C-alpha atoms as a PDB file:
ATOM      1  CA  MET A   1     -16.379  14.244  27.791  1.00  0.00           C
ATOM      2  CA  ALA A   2     -12.797  12.944  27.612  1.00  0.00           C
ATOM      3  CA  THR A   3     -10.759  13.807  24.614  1.00  0.00           C
ATOM      4  CA  MET A   4      -8.197  11.574  22.947  1.00  0.00           C
ATOM      5  CA  PRO A   5      -4.582  12.552  23.340  1.00  0.00           C
ATOM      6  CA  LYS A   6      -3.236  14.234  20.198  1.00  0.00           C
ATOM      7  CA  THR A   7      -0.853  11.309  19.501  1.00  0.00           C
ATOM      8  CA  HIS A   8      -3.813   8.927  19.338  1.00  0.00           C
ATOM      9  CA  THR A   9      -5.725  11.310  17.159  1.00  0.00           C
ATOM     10  CA  ARG A  10      -2.786  11.713  14.747  1.00  0.00           C
ATOM     11  CA  MET A  11      -2.283   7.939  14.694  1.00  0.00           C
ATOM     12  CA  GLY A  12      -5.966   7.482  13.808  1.00  0.00           C
ATOM     13  CA  GLN A  13      -5.794  10.071  11.036  1.00  0.00           C
ATOM     14  CA  GLU A  14      -2.626   8.607   9.587  1.00  0.00           C
ATOM     15  CA  MET A  15      -4.008   5.065   9.852  1.00  0.00           C
ATOM     16  CA  THR A  16      -7.173   6.139   7.992  1.00  0.00           C
ATOM     17  CA  ARG A  17      -5.024   7.703   5.280  1.00  0.00           C
ATOM     18  CA  CYS A  18      -2.871   4.553   5.045  1.00  0.00           C
ATOM     19  CA  LEU A  19      -5.933   2.328   4.939  1.00  0.00           C
ATOM     20  CA  GLU A  20      -7.436   4.344   2.098  1.00  0.00           C
ATOM     21  CA  LEU A  21      -4.159   4.303   0.125  1.00  0.00           C
ATOM     22  CA  CYS A  22      -3.807   0.506   0.657  1.00  0.00           C
ATOM     23  CA  GLN A  23      -7.344   0.083  -0.704  1.00  0.00           C
ATOM     24  CA  GLN A  24      -6.670   2.346  -3.674  1.00  0.00           C
ATOM     25  CA  CYS A  25      -3.424   0.645  -4.484  1.00  0.00           C
ATOM     26  CA  HIS A  26      -5.084  -2.765  -4.213  1.00  0.00           C
ATOM     27  CA  ARG A  27      -7.881  -1.669  -6.573  1.00  0.00           C
ATOM     28  CA  VAL A  28      -5.564  -0.244  -9.250  1.00  0.00           C
ATOM     29  CA  CYS A  29      -3.133  -3.183  -9.226  1.00  0.00           C
ATOM     30  CA  ALA A  30      -6.086  -5.660  -9.420  1.00  0.00           C
ATOM     31  CA  GLU A  31      -7.680  -3.736 -12.295  1.00  0.00           C
ATOM     32  CA  ILE A  32      -4.416  -3.854 -14.229  1.00  0.00           C
ATOM     33  CA  LEU A  33      -4.085  -7.636 -13.611  1.00  0.00           C
ATOM     34  CA  ASN A  34      -7.746  -8.232 -14.603  1.00  0.00           C
ATOM     35  CA  THR A  35      -7.251  -6.619 -18.013  1.00  0.00           C
ATOM     36  CA  GLN A  36      -5.028  -9.594 -18.873  1.00  0.00           C
ATOM     37  CA  ARG A  37      -2.697  -7.386 -20.870  1.00  0.00           C
ATOM     38  CA  ALA A  38      -0.274  -9.294 -23.070  1.00  0.00           C
ATOM     39  CA  ASP A  39       2.427  -6.642 -22.605  1.00  0.00           C
ATOM     40  CA  LEU A  40       2.841  -7.317 -18.886  1.00  0.00           C
ATOM     41  CA  ASN A  41       5.880  -9.497 -18.308  1.00  0.00           C
ATOM     42  CA  GLU A  42       5.710 -12.292 -15.739  1.00  0.00           C
ATOM     43  CA  PRO A  43       7.833 -10.571 -13.070  1.00  0.00           C
ATOM     44  CA  LEU A  44       5.555  -7.501 -13.232  1.00  0.00           C
ATOM     45  CA  GLN A  45       2.440  -9.640 -13.031  1.00  0.00           C
ATOM     46  CA  ARG A  46       3.806 -11.355  -9.915  1.00  0.00           C
ATOM     47  CA  LEU A  47       4.651  -7.997  -8.326  1.00  0.00           C
ATOM     48  CA  LEU A  48       1.223  -6.626  -9.089  1.00  0.00           C
ATOM     49  CA  GLN A  49      -0.339  -9.714  -7.523  1.00  0.00           C
ATOM     50  CA  ASP A  50       1.936  -9.449  -4.491  1.00  0.00           C
ATOM     51  CA  CYS A  51       0.930  -5.813  -4.166  1.00  0.00           C
ATOM     52  CA  VAL A  52      -2.769  -6.706  -4.395  1.00  0.00           C
ATOM     53  CA  ASP A  53      -2.421  -9.307  -1.712  1.00  0.00           C
ATOM     54  CA  ILE A  54      -0.257  -7.354   0.742  1.00  0.00           C
ATOM     55  CA  CYS A  55      -2.345  -4.176   0.421  1.00  0.00           C
ATOM     56  CA  GLN A  56      -5.443  -6.123   1.287  1.00  0.00           C
ATOM     57  CA  THR A  57      -3.705  -7.833   4.174  1.00  0.00           C
ATOM     58  CA  SER A  58      -2.371  -4.555   5.529  1.00  0.00           C
ATOM     59  CA  ALA A  59      -5.790  -2.979   5.195  1.00  0.00           C
ATOM     60  CA  ASN A  60      -7.375  -5.909   7.048  1.00  0.00           C
ATOM     61  CA  PHE A  61      -4.834  -5.652   9.889  1.00  0.00           C
ATOM     62  CA  MET A  62      -5.433  -1.918  10.269  1.00  0.00           C
ATOM     63  CA  MET A  63      -9.208  -2.280  10.151  1.00  0.00           C
ATOM     64  CA  ARG A  64      -9.204  -4.699  13.086  1.00  0.00           C
ATOM     65  CA  SER A  65      -6.482  -2.716  14.937  1.00  0.00           C
ATOM     66  CA  SER A  66      -4.144  -5.699  14.964  1.00  0.00           C
ATOM     67  CA  GLU A  67      -1.049  -5.309  17.104  1.00  0.00           C
ATOM     68  CA  PHE A  68       0.849  -6.636  14.072  1.00  0.00           C
ATOM     69  CA  HIS A  69      -0.231  -3.904  11.615  1.00  0.00           C
ATOM     70  CA  GLY A  70       3.200  -2.302  11.821  1.00  0.00           C
ATOM     71  CA  GLN A  71       4.819  -5.450  10.515  1.00  0.00           C
ATOM     72  CA  THR A  72       2.339  -5.892   7.681  1.00  0.00           C
ATOM     73  CA  CYS A  73       2.726  -2.250   6.751  1.00  0.00           C
ATOM     74  CA  GLY A  74       6.516  -2.657   6.642  1.00  0.00           C
ATOM     75  CA  LEU A  75       6.208  -5.513   4.158  1.00  0.00           C
ATOM     76  CA  CYS A  76       3.559  -3.606   2.220  1.00  0.00           C
ATOM     77  CA  ALA A  77       5.866  -0.601   1.903  1.00  0.00           C
ATOM     78  CA  GLU A  78       8.686  -2.820   0.560  1.00  0.00           C
ATOM     79  CA  ILE A  79       6.481  -4.574  -2.016  1.00  0.00           C
ATOM     80  CA  CYS A  80       4.780  -1.311  -3.097  1.00  0.00           C
ATOM     81  CA  LEU A  81       8.136   0.329  -3.821  1.00  0.00           C
ATOM     82  CA  LYS A  82       9.318  -2.639  -5.897  1.00  0.00           C
ATOM     83  CA  CYS A  83       6.008  -2.657  -7.756  1.00  0.00           C
ATOM     84  CA  ALA A  84       6.336   1.095  -8.386  1.00  0.00           C
ATOM     85  CA  ASP A  85       9.812   0.680  -9.789  1.00  0.00           C
ATOM     86  CA  ALA A  86       8.620  -2.120 -12.084  1.00  0.00           C
ATOM     87  CA  CYS A  87       5.633  -0.136 -13.303  1.00  0.00           C
ATOM     88  CA  GLU A  88       7.824   2.887 -14.034  1.00  0.00           C
ATOM     89  CA  GLU A  89      10.016   0.729 -16.302  1.00  0.00           C
ATOM     90  CA  GLN A  90       7.080   0.503 -18.690  1.00  0.00           C
ATOM     91  CA  ALA A  91       7.636   4.002 -20.050  1.00  0.00           C
ATOM     92  CA  GLY A  92       4.707   5.656 -21.723  1.00  0.00           C
ATOM     93  CA  ASP A  93       1.983   3.572 -20.102  1.00  0.00           C
ATOM     94  CA  SER A  94      -0.323   6.002 -18.295  1.00  0.00           C
ATOM     95  CA  ARG A  95      -2.182   3.244 -16.304  1.00  0.00           C
ATOM     96  CA  LEU A  96       1.125   1.808 -15.005  1.00  0.00           C
ATOM     97  CA  ALA A  97       2.340   5.332 -14.237  1.00  0.00           C
ATOM     98  CA  GLU A  98      -0.794   5.891 -12.146  1.00  0.00           C
ATOM     99  CA  CYS A  99      -0.165   2.544 -10.438  1.00  0.00           C
ATOM    100  CA  ALA A 100       3.440   3.542  -9.639  1.00  0.00           C
ATOM    101  CA  ARG A 101       2.242   6.843  -8.180  1.00  0.00           C
ATOM    102  CA  LEU A 102      -0.302   5.143  -5.944  1.00  0.00           C
ATOM    103  CA  CYS A 103       2.215   2.421  -4.903  1.00  0.00           C
ATOM    104  CA  ARG A 104       4.671   5.112  -3.810  1.00  0.00           C
ATOM    105  CA  GLN A 105       2.030   6.991  -1.858  1.00  0.00           C
ATOM    106  CA  CYS A 106       0.922   3.764  -0.184  1.00  0.00           C
ATOM    107  CA  ALA A 107       4.529   2.829   0.646  1.00  0.00           C
ATOM    108  CA  GLU A 108       5.066   6.267   2.222  1.00  0.00           C
ATOM    109  CA  ALA A 109       1.922   5.964   4.360  1.00  0.00           C
ATOM    110  CA  CYS A 110       2.878   2.429   5.356  1.00  0.00           C
ATOM    111  CA  GLN A 111       6.393   3.526   6.332  1.00  0.00           C
ATOM    112  CA  LEU A 112       4.783   6.161   8.612  1.00  0.00           C
ATOM    113  CA  MET A 113       2.582   3.423  10.167  1.00  0.00           C
ATOM    114  CA  VAL A 114       5.744   1.414  10.868  1.00  0.00           C
ATOM    115  CA  ALA A 115       7.393   4.401  12.546  1.00  0.00           C
ATOM    116  CA  MET A 116       4.291   5.186  14.598  1.00  0.00           C
ATOM    117  CA  ALA A 117       3.773   1.530  15.652  1.00  0.00           C
ATOM    118  CA  THR A 118       7.386   1.058  16.812  1.00  0.00           C
ATOM    119  CA  PRO A 119       7.606   1.465  20.582  1.00  0.00           C
ATOM    120  CA  ARG A 120      10.037   4.099  21.742  1.00  0.00           C
END
């Protein structure tokens, strides 16, 4: 039985982690938006929606092993970081703090996907 080279195994493990974080980030941002909170300003609402959409798109690209998953992960990381910053500006809100934490973890995992997908 042939074994996969370690680089492919690591890529698979990291992609699985990234996929899971994209799905978690998508879920939390969508839940916050669905509560229709009056205290969320319009720019934050747009960022949360952007995050929902790009996390789902990145997850879809990874699930089908698209050759373009590195590019979608790059944009996902950028949007997640902006969303995390905006959520952190709402001091004292535990749900937004959780969202910011997940957005940062997702961004980190996506940045790793970009680095791993870039040909050397």
